[in-house]
PDB file of N, CA and C in Angstrom:
ATOM      1  N   UNK A   1      -3.957   5.687  28.734  1.00  0.00           N
ATOM      2  CA  UNK A   1      -4.016   5.776  27.357  1.00  0.00           C
ATOM      3  C   UNK A   1      -3.601   4.497  26.681  1.00  0.00           C
ATOM      4  N   UNK A   2      -2.637   3.723  27.320  1.00  0.00           N
ATOM      5  CA  UNK A   2      -2.312   2.476  26.763  1.00  0.00           C
ATOM      6  C   UNK A   2      -3.432   1.513  26.934  1.00  0.00           C
ATOM      7  N   UNK A   3      -4.194   1.659  28.074  1.00  0.00           N
ATOM      8  CA  UNK A   3      -5.311   0.743  28.401  1.00  0.00           C
ATOM      9  C   UNK A   3      -6.449   0.874  27.461  1.00  0.00           C
ATOM     10  N   UNK A   4      -6.707   2.195  26.943  1.00  0.00           N
ATOM     11  CA  UNK A   4      -7.688   2.346  25.983  1.00  0.00           C
ATOM     12  C   UNK A   4      -7.306   1.810  24.721  1.00  0.00           C
ATOM     13  N   UNK A   5      -6.099   1.920  24.321  1.00  0.00           N
ATOM     14  CA  UNK A   5      -5.658   1.384  23.006  1.00  0.00           C
ATOM     15  C   UNK A   5      -5.821  -0.218  23.036  1.00  0.00           C
ATOM     16  N   UNK A   6      -5.484  -0.826  24.099  1.00  0.00           N
ATOM     17  CA  UNK A   6      -5.666  -2.296  24.202  1.00  0.00           C
ATOM     18  C   UNK A   6      -7.011  -2.616  24.148  1.00  0.00           C
ATOM     19  N   UNK A   7      -7.845  -1.861  24.850  1.00  0.00           N
ATOM     20  CA  UNK A   7      -9.344  -2.122  24.916  1.00  0.00           C
ATOM     21  C   UNK A   7      -9.883  -2.082  23.468  1.00  0.00           C
ATOM     22  N   UNK A   8      -9.589  -0.980  22.766  1.00  0.00           N
ATOM     23  CA  UNK A   8     -10.085  -0.757  21.408  1.00  0.00           C
ATOM     24  C   UNK A   8      -9.538  -1.847  20.512  1.00  0.00           C
ATOM     25  N   UNK A   9      -8.351  -2.257  20.601  1.00  0.00           N
ATOM     26  CA  UNK A   9      -7.816  -3.348  19.847  1.00  0.00           C
ATOM     27  C   UNK A   9      -8.502  -4.606  20.015  1.00  0.00           C
ATOM     28  N   UNK A  10      -8.741  -5.037  21.384  1.00  0.00           N
ATOM     29  CA  UNK A  10      -9.592  -6.169  21.572  1.00  0.00           C
ATOM     30  C   UNK A  10     -11.048  -6.170  21.056  1.00  0.00           C
ATOM     31  N   UNK A  11     -11.580  -4.934  21.245  1.00  0.00           N
ATOM     32  CA  UNK A  11     -12.950  -4.767  20.724  1.00  0.00           C
ATOM     33  C   UNK A  11     -12.996  -4.910  19.038  1.00  0.00           C
ATOM     34  N   UNK A  12     -11.887  -4.541  18.416  1.00  0.00           N
ATOM     35  CA  UNK A  12     -11.830  -4.700  17.122  1.00  0.00           C
ATOM     36  C   UNK A  12     -11.684  -6.075  16.668  1.00  0.00           C
ATOM     37  N   UNK A  13     -10.846  -6.684  17.377  1.00  0.00           N
ATOM     38  CA  UNK A  13     -10.711  -8.156  17.076  1.00  0.00           C
ATOM     39  C   UNK A  13     -11.928  -8.991  17.286  1.00  0.00           C
ATOM     40  N   UNK A  14     -12.691  -8.634  18.364  1.00  0.00           N
ATOM     41  CA  UNK A  14     -13.911  -9.345  18.596  1.00  0.00           C
ATOM     42  C   UNK A  14     -14.949  -8.996  17.578  1.00  0.00           C
ATOM     43  N   UNK A  15     -14.962  -7.841  17.081  1.00  0.00           N
ATOM     44  CA  UNK A  15     -15.894  -7.381  16.033  1.00  0.00           C
ATOM     45  C   UNK A  15     -15.577  -8.156  14.721  1.00  0.00           C
ATOM     46  N   UNK A  16     -14.295  -8.134  14.391  1.00  0.00           N
ATOM     47  CA  UNK A  16     -13.782  -8.845  13.243  1.00  0.00           C
ATOM     48  C   UNK A  16     -14.117 -10.436  13.273  1.00  0.00           C
ATOM     49  N   UNK A  17     -14.010 -10.964  14.361  1.00  0.00           N
ATOM     50  CA  UNK A  17     -14.383 -12.469  14.692  1.00  0.00           C
ATOM     51  C   UNK A  17     -15.715 -12.719  14.471  1.00  0.00           C
ATOM     52  N   UNK A  18     -16.620 -11.755  14.920  1.00  0.00           N
ATOM     53  CA  UNK A  18     -18.195 -11.974  14.741  1.00  0.00           C
ATOM     54  C   UNK A  18     -18.404 -11.842  13.349  1.00  0.00           C
ATOM     55  N   UNK A  19     -17.833 -10.976  12.538  1.00  0.00           N
ATOM     56  CA  UNK A  19     -18.132 -10.793  11.096  1.00  0.00           C
ATOM     57  C   UNK A  19     -17.572 -12.094  10.415  1.00  0.00           C
ATOM     58  N   UNK A  20     -16.473 -12.670  10.856  1.00  0.00           N
ATOM     59  CA  UNK A  20     -16.061 -13.990  10.259  1.00  0.00           C
ATOM     60  C   UNK A  20     -17.059 -15.121  10.535  1.00  0.00           C
ATOM     61  N   UNK A  21     -17.594 -15.166  11.793  1.00  0.00           N
ATOM     62  CA  UNK A  21     -18.611 -16.105  12.089  1.00  0.00           C
ATOM     63  C   UNK A  21     -19.883 -15.890  11.228  1.00  0.00           C
ATOM     64  N   UNK A  22     -20.243 -14.760  11.078  1.00  0.00           N
ATOM     65  CA  UNK A  22     -21.471 -14.506  10.170  1.00  0.00           C
ATOM     66  C   UNK A  22     -21.224 -15.035   8.731  1.00  0.00           C
ATOM     67  N   UNK A  23     -19.843 -14.782   8.261  1.00  0.00           N
ATOM     68  CA  UNK A  23     -19.548 -15.236   6.918  1.00  0.00           C
ATOM     69  C   UNK A  23     -19.463 -16.723   6.980  1.00  0.00           C
ATOM     70  N   UNK A  24     -19.046 -17.382   7.843  1.00  0.00           N
ATOM     71  CA  UNK A  24     -18.909 -18.774   7.816  1.00  0.00           C
ATOM     72  C   UNK A  24     -20.300 -19.465   7.927  1.00  0.00           C
ATOM     73  N   UNK A  25     -21.169 -18.846   8.831  1.00  0.00           N
ATOM     74  CA  UNK A  25     -22.389 -19.449   9.021  1.00  0.00           C
ATOM     75  C   UNK A  25     -23.602 -19.196   8.130  1.00  0.00           C
ATOM     76  N   UNK A  26     -23.398 -17.941   7.428  1.00  0.00           N
ATOM     77  CA  UNK A  26     -24.506 -17.556   6.453  1.00  0.00           C
ATOM     78  C   UNK A  26     -24.055 -17.398   4.966  1.00  0.00           C
ATOM     79  N   UNK A  27     -22.740 -17.206   4.832  1.00  0.00           N
ATOM     80  CA  UNK A  27     -22.204 -16.963   3.533  1.00  0.00           C
ATOM     81  C   UNK A  27     -22.180 -15.558   3.209  1.00  0.00           C
ATOM     82  N   UNK A  28     -22.683 -14.664   4.017  1.00  0.00           N
ATOM     83  CA  UNK A  28     -22.642 -13.199   3.641  1.00  0.00           C
ATOM     84  C   UNK A  28     -21.476 -12.631   4.177  1.00  0.00           C
ATOM     85  N   UNK A  29     -20.809 -11.629   3.478  1.00  0.00           N
ATOM     86  CA  UNK A  29     -19.511 -10.995   3.927  1.00  0.00           C
ATOM     87  C   UNK A  29     -19.551  -9.602   3.382  1.00  0.00           C
ATOM     88  N   UNK A  30     -18.781  -8.806   4.067  1.00  0.00           N
ATOM     89  CA  UNK A  30     -18.681  -7.324   3.633  1.00  0.00           C
ATOM     90  C   UNK A  30     -18.017  -7.264   2.222  1.00  0.00           C
ATOM     91  N   UNK A  31     -18.446  -6.467   1.343  1.00  0.00           N
ATOM     92  CA  UNK A  31     -18.018  -6.202  -0.032  1.00  0.00           C
ATOM     93  C   UNK A  31     -16.818  -5.190   0.137  1.00  0.00           C
ATOM     94  N   UNK A  32     -15.614  -5.667   0.384  1.00  0.00           N
ATOM     95  CA  UNK A  32     -14.536  -4.684   0.372  1.00  0.00           C
ATOM     96  C   UNK A  32     -14.202  -4.161  -1.080  1.00  0.00           C
ATOM     97  N   UNK A  33     -14.678  -4.863  -2.051  1.00  0.00           N
ATOM     98  CA  UNK A  33     -14.295  -4.506  -3.380  1.00  0.00           C
ATOM     99  C   UNK A  33     -15.000  -3.178  -3.769  1.00  0.00           C
ATOM    100  N   UNK A  34     -16.016  -2.684  -2.974  1.00  0.00           N
ATOM    101  CA  UNK A  34     -16.736  -1.409  -3.243  1.00  0.00           C
ATOM    102  C   UNK A  34     -15.856  -0.267  -2.548  1.00  0.00           C
ATOM    103  N   UNK A  35     -14.880  -0.483  -1.850  1.00  0.00           N
ATOM    104  CA  UNK A  35     -14.041   0.634  -1.280  1.00  0.00           C
ATOM    105  C   UNK A  35     -12.965   1.019  -2.374  1.00  0.00           C
ATOM    106  N   UNK A  36     -13.138   2.180  -2.664  1.00  0.00           N
ATOM    107  CA  UNK A  36     -12.307   2.776  -3.821  1.00  0.00           C
ATOM    108  C   UNK A  36     -10.879   3.209  -3.413  1.00  0.00           C
ATOM    109  N   UNK A  37     -10.718   3.576  -2.078  1.00  0.00           N
ATOM    110  CA  UNK A  37      -9.382   4.043  -1.634  1.00  0.00           C
ATOM    111  C   UNK A  37      -8.536   2.763  -1.406  1.00  0.00           C
ATOM    112  N   UNK A  38      -7.429   2.618  -2.093  1.00  0.00           N
ATOM    113  CA  UNK A  38      -6.638   1.332  -1.869  1.00  0.00           C
ATOM    114  C   UNK A  38      -6.079   1.067  -0.451  1.00  0.00           C
ATOM    115  N   UNK A  39      -5.694   2.189   0.272  1.00  0.00           N
ATOM    116  CA  UNK A  39      -5.197   2.133   1.597  1.00  0.00           C
ATOM    117  C   UNK A  39      -6.315   1.630   2.582  1.00  0.00           C
ATOM    118  N   UNK A  40      -7.510   2.109   2.382  1.00  0.00           N
ATOM    119  CA  UNK A  40      -8.617   1.866   3.242  1.00  0.00           C
ATOM    120  C   UNK A  40      -9.057   0.392   3.016  1.00  0.00           C
ATOM    121  N   UNK A  41      -9.010  -0.099   1.717  1.00  0.00           N
ATOM    122  CA  UNK A  41      -9.395  -1.363   1.318  1.00  0.00           C
ATOM    123  C   UNK A  41      -8.389  -2.385   1.891  1.00  0.00           C
ATOM    124  N   UNK A  42      -7.125  -2.160   1.829  1.00  0.00           N
ATOM    125  CA  UNK A  42      -6.126  -2.991   2.368  1.00  0.00           C
ATOM    126  C   UNK A  42      -6.245  -3.061   3.869  1.00  0.00           C
ATOM    127  N   UNK A  43      -6.535  -2.083   4.573  1.00  0.00           N
ATOM    128  CA  UNK A  43      -6.786  -2.097   6.019  1.00  0.00           C
ATOM    129  C   UNK A  43      -7.991  -2.903   6.356  1.00  0.00           C
ATOM    130  N   UNK A  44      -9.117  -2.728   5.619  1.00  0.00           N
ATOM    131  CA  UNK A  44     -10.375  -3.414   5.862  1.00  0.00           C
ATOM    132  C   UNK A  44     -10.148  -5.015   5.576  1.00  0.00           C
ATOM    133  N   UNK A  45      -9.377  -5.278   4.478  1.00  0.00           N
ATOM    134  CA  UNK A  45      -9.093  -6.675   4.262  1.00  0.00           C
ATOM    135  C   UNK A  45      -8.218  -7.350   5.248  1.00  0.00           C
ATOM    136  N   UNK A  46      -7.270  -6.740   5.891  1.00  0.00           N
ATOM    137  CA  UNK A  46      -6.383  -7.124   6.864  1.00  0.00           C
ATOM    138  C   UNK A  46      -7.242  -7.257   8.200  1.00  0.00           C
ATOM    139  N   UNK A  47      -8.075  -6.320   8.528  1.00  0.00           N
ATOM    140  CA  UNK A  47      -9.047  -6.376   9.626  1.00  0.00           C
ATOM    141  C   UNK A  47      -9.765  -7.521   9.615  1.00  0.00           C
ATOM    142  N   UNK A  48     -10.483  -7.812   8.537  1.00  0.00           N
ATOM    143  CA  UNK A  48     -11.327  -8.992   8.352  1.00  0.00           C
ATOM    144  C   UNK A  48     -10.469 -10.384   8.318  1.00  0.00           C
ATOM    145  N   UNK A  49      -9.360 -10.266   7.884  1.00  0.00           N
ATOM    146  CA  UNK A  49      -8.415 -11.369   7.946  1.00  0.00           C
ATOM    147  C   UNK A  49      -7.929 -11.835   9.309  1.00  0.00           C
ATOM    148  N   UNK A  50      -7.784 -10.910  10.168  1.00  0.00           N
ATOM    149  CA  UNK A  50      -7.596 -11.125  11.512  1.00  0.00           C
ATOM    150  C   UNK A  50      -8.791 -11.929  12.272  1.00  0.00           C
ATOM    151  N   UNK A  51     -10.001 -11.449  11.874  1.00  0.00           N
ATOM    152  CA  UNK A  51     -11.173 -12.306  12.442  1.00  0.00           C
ATOM    153  C   UNK A  51     -11.210 -13.641  11.890  1.00  0.00           C
ATOM    154  N   UNK A  52     -10.923 -13.778  10.643  1.00  0.00           N
ATOM    155  CA  UNK A  52     -10.941 -15.134  10.066  1.00  0.00           C
ATOM    156  C   UNK A  52      -9.843 -16.106  10.866  1.00  0.00           C
ATOM    157  N   UNK A  53      -8.628 -15.495  11.055  1.00  0.00           N
ATOM    158  CA  UNK A  53      -7.683 -16.318  11.832  1.00  0.00           C
ATOM    159  C   UNK A  53      -8.051 -16.626  13.226  1.00  0.00           C
ATOM    160  N   UNK A  54      -8.651 -15.615  13.895  1.00  0.00           N
ATOM    161  CA  UNK A  54      -9.069 -15.829  15.365  1.00  0.00           C
ATOM    162  C   UNK A  54     -10.246 -16.846  15.323  1.00  0.00           C
ATOM    163  N   UNK A  55     -11.127 -16.823  14.375  1.00  0.00           N
ATOM    164  CA  UNK A  55     -12.187 -17.698  14.373  1.00  0.00           C
ATOM    165  C   UNK A  55     -11.724 -19.139  14.069  1.00  0.00           C
ATOM    166  N   UNK A  56     -10.726 -19.249  13.101  1.00  0.00           N
ATOM    167  CA  UNK A  56     -10.170 -20.641  12.824  1.00  0.00           C
ATOM    168  C   UNK A  56      -9.384 -21.096  14.149  1.00  0.00           C
ATOM    169  N   UNK A  57      -8.763 -20.397  14.808  1.00  0.00           N
ATOM    170  CA  UNK A  57      -7.993 -20.835  16.101  1.00  0.00           C
ATOM    171  C   UNK A  57      -9.033 -21.296  17.001  1.00  0.00           C
ATOM    172  N   UNK A  58     -10.060 -20.364  17.316  1.00  0.00           N
ATOM    173  CA  UNK A  58     -11.185 -20.798  18.299  1.00  0.00           C
ATOM    174  C   UNK A  58     -11.859 -22.105  17.830  1.00  0.00           C
ATOM    175  N   UNK A  59     -12.192 -22.182  16.596  1.00  0.00           N
ATOM    176  CA  UNK A  59     -12.814 -23.408  16.104  1.00  0.00           C
ATOM    177  C   UNK A  59     -12.056 -24.651  16.276  1.00  0.00           C
ATOM    178  N   UNK A  60     -10.689 -24.559  16.003  1.00  0.00           N
ATOM    179  CA  UNK A  60      -9.773 -25.672  16.139  1.00  0.00           C
ATOM    180  C   UNK A  60      -9.640 -26.056  17.654  1.00  0.00           C
ATOM    181  N   UNK A  61      -9.638 -25.061  18.459  1.00  0.00           N
ATOM    182  CA  UNK A  61      -9.516 -25.421  19.974  1.00  0.00           C
ATOM    183  C   UNK A  61     -10.887 -26.126  20.401  1.00  0.00           C
ATOM    184  N   UNK A  62     -11.913 -25.610  19.899  1.00  0.00           N
ATOM    185  CA  UNK A  62     -13.288 -26.292  20.205  1.00  0.00           C
ATOM    186  C   UNK A  62     -13.356 -27.802  19.798  1.00  0.00           C
ATOM    187  N   UNK A  63     -12.869 -27.918  18.541  1.00  0.00           N
ATOM    188  CA  UNK A  63     -12.985 -29.306  17.985  1.00  0.00           C
ATOM    189  C   UNK A  63     -12.021 -30.219  18.676  1.00  0.00           C
ATOM    190  N   UNK A  64     -10.979 -29.792  19.103  1.00  0.00           N
ATOM    191  CA  UNK A  64      -9.898 -30.663  19.912  1.00  0.00           C
ATOM    192  C   UNK A  64     -10.197 -30.735  21.307  1.00  0.00           C
ATOM    193  N   UNK A  65     -11.148 -30.053  21.881  1.00  0.00           N
ATOM    194  CA  UNK A  65     -11.337 -30.056  23.293  1.00  0.00           C
ATOM    195  C   UNK A  65     -12.519 -31.083  23.598  1.00  0.00           C
ATOM    196  N   UNK A  66     -12.328 -31.712  24.804  1.00  0.00           N
ATOM    197  CA  UNK A  66     -13.285 -32.639  25.291  1.00  0.00           C
ATOM    198  C   UNK A  66     -14.556 -31.895  25.934  1.00  0.00           C
ATOM    199  N   UNK A  67     -14.412 -30.576  26.136  1.00  0.00           N
ATOM    200  CA  UNK A  67     -15.532 -29.814  26.708  1.00  0.00           C
ATOM    201  C   UNK A  67     -16.553 -29.349  25.718  1.00  0.00           C
ATOM    202  N   UNK A  68     -16.266 -29.526  24.389  1.00  0.00           N
ATOM    203  CA  UNK A  68     -17.292 -29.143  23.353  1.00  0.00           C
ATOM    204  C   UNK A  68     -17.664 -30.330  22.644  1.00  0.00           C
ATOM    205  N   UNK A  69     -18.836 -30.370  22.139  1.00  0.00           N
ATOM    206  CA  UNK A  69     -19.373 -31.415  21.272  1.00  0.00           C
ATOM    207  C   UNK A  69     -20.338 -30.881  20.154  1.00  0.00           C
ATOM    208  N   UNK A  70     -20.333 -31.536  19.076  1.00  0.00           N
ATOM    209  CA  UNK A  70     -21.262 -31.139  17.985  1.00  0.00           C
ATOM    210  C   UNK A  70     -22.730 -31.287  18.443  1.00  0.00           C
ATOM    211  N   UNK A  71     -23.460 -30.219  18.095  1.00  0.00           N
ATOM    212  CA  UNK A  71     -24.873 -30.407  18.275  1.00  0.00           C
ATOM    213  C   UNK A  71     -25.540 -31.072  17.240  1.00  0.00           C
ATOM    214  N   UNK A  72     -26.456 -31.841  17.512  1.00  0.00           N
ATOM    215  CA  UNK A  72     -27.216 -32.651  16.441  1.00  0.00           C
ATOM    216  C   UNK A  72     -28.654 -32.076  16.170  1.00  0.00           C
ATOM    217  N   UNK A  73     -28.936 -30.918  16.738  1.00  0.00           N
ATOM    218  CA  UNK A  73     -30.232 -30.296  16.620  1.00  0.00           C
ATOM    219  C   UNK A  73     -30.425 -29.532  15.364  1.00  0.00           C
ATOM    220  N   UNK A  74     -29.232 -29.495  14.529  1.00  0.00           N
ATOM    221  CA  UNK A  74     -29.476 -28.703  13.245  1.00  0.00           C
ATOM    222  C   UNK A  74     -30.178 -29.470  12.327  1.00  0.00           C
TER     223      UNK A  74
END
Protein backbone atom coordinates (compact mmCIF):
# COMPACT_ATOMS: atom_id res chain seq x y z
CA UNK A 1 0.00 0.00 0.00
CA UNK A 2 2.77 2.44 0.94
CA UNK A 3 4.64 1.52 -2.24
CA UNK A 4 1.67 2.46 -4.40
CA UNK A 5 1.28 5.77 -2.57
CA UNK A 6 4.94 6.61 -3.17
CA UNK A 7 4.63 5.56 -6.81
CA UNK A 8 1.54 7.74 -7.41
CA UNK A 9 3.19 10.67 -5.61
CA UNK A 10 6.27 10.45 -7.81
CA UNK A 11 4.08 10.13 -10.93
CA UNK A 12 2.17 13.26 -9.87
CA UNK A 13 5.38 15.20 -9.33
CA UNK A 14 6.68 14.12 -12.72
CA UNK A 15 3.42 15.12 -14.42
CA UNK A 16 3.46 18.50 -12.68
CA UNK A 17 7.09 19.01 -13.74
CA UNK A 18 6.25 18.23 -17.38
CA UNK A 19 3.41 20.78 -17.24
CA UNK A 20 5.87 23.34 -15.80
CA UNK A 21 8.27 22.59 -18.67
CA UNK A 22 5.51 23.12 -21.22
CA UNK A 23 4.64 26.40 -19.52
CA UNK A 24 8.25 27.58 -19.61
CA UNK A 25 8.94 26.53 -23.19
CA UNK A 26 5.67 27.51 -24.86
CA UNK A 27 3.92 29.94 -22.53
CA UNK A 28 0.79 27.79 -22.35
CA UNK A 29 -0.48 26.86 -18.89
CA UNK A 30 -3.59 25.32 -17.35
CA UNK A 31 -6.29 27.87 -16.51
CA UNK A 32 -6.91 27.11 -12.86
CA UNK A 33 -9.06 30.25 -12.71
CA UNK A 34 -11.81 28.24 -14.44
CA UNK A 35 -12.07 25.90 -11.43
CA UNK A 36 -15.03 27.09 -9.37
CA UNK A 37 -14.49 24.96 -6.26
CA UNK A 38 -12.00 26.83 -4.01
CA UNK A 39 -10.54 23.69 -2.42
CA UNK A 40 -9.93 22.00 -5.77
CA UNK A 41 -8.43 25.21 -7.20
CA UNK A 42 -6.09 25.47 -4.22
CA UNK A 43 -4.97 21.86 -4.65
CA UNK A 44 -4.44 22.37 -8.40
CA UNK A 45 -2.38 25.51 -7.79
CA UNK A 46 -0.23 23.72 -5.19
CA UNK A 47 0.17 20.72 -7.53
CA UNK A 48 1.38 22.98 -10.32
CA UNK A 49 3.60 24.90 -7.90
CA UNK A 50 5.42 21.70 -6.95
CA UNK A 51 6.21 21.13 -10.62
CA UNK A 52 7.54 24.67 -10.97
CA UNK A 53 9.80 24.14 -7.96
CA UNK A 54 11.12 20.80 -9.21
CA UNK A 55 11.69 22.28 -12.68
CA UNK A 56 13.65 25.19 -11.17
CA UNK A 57 15.82 22.83 -9.11
CA UNK A 58 16.57 20.58 -12.08
CA UNK A 59 17.30 23.58 -14.29
CA UNK A 60 19.68 25.07 -11.71
CA UNK A 61 21.45 21.73 -11.35
CA UNK A 62 21.87 21.48 -15.12
CA UNK A 63 23.17 25.03 -15.41
CA UNK A 64 25.77 24.46 -12.69
CA UNK A 65 26.84 21.05 -13.98
CA UNK A 66 29.81 20.41 -16.23
CA UNK A 67 27.87 17.56 -17.85
CA UNK A 68 25.32 19.87 -19.50
CA UNK A 69 25.84 22.59 -22.10
CA UNK A 70 23.52 25.01 -23.84
CA UNK A 71 22.54 23.92 -27.32
CA UNK A 72 23.20 26.42 -30.09
CA UNK A 73 20.85 24.75 -32.58
CA UNK A 74 17.87 26.91 -31.59
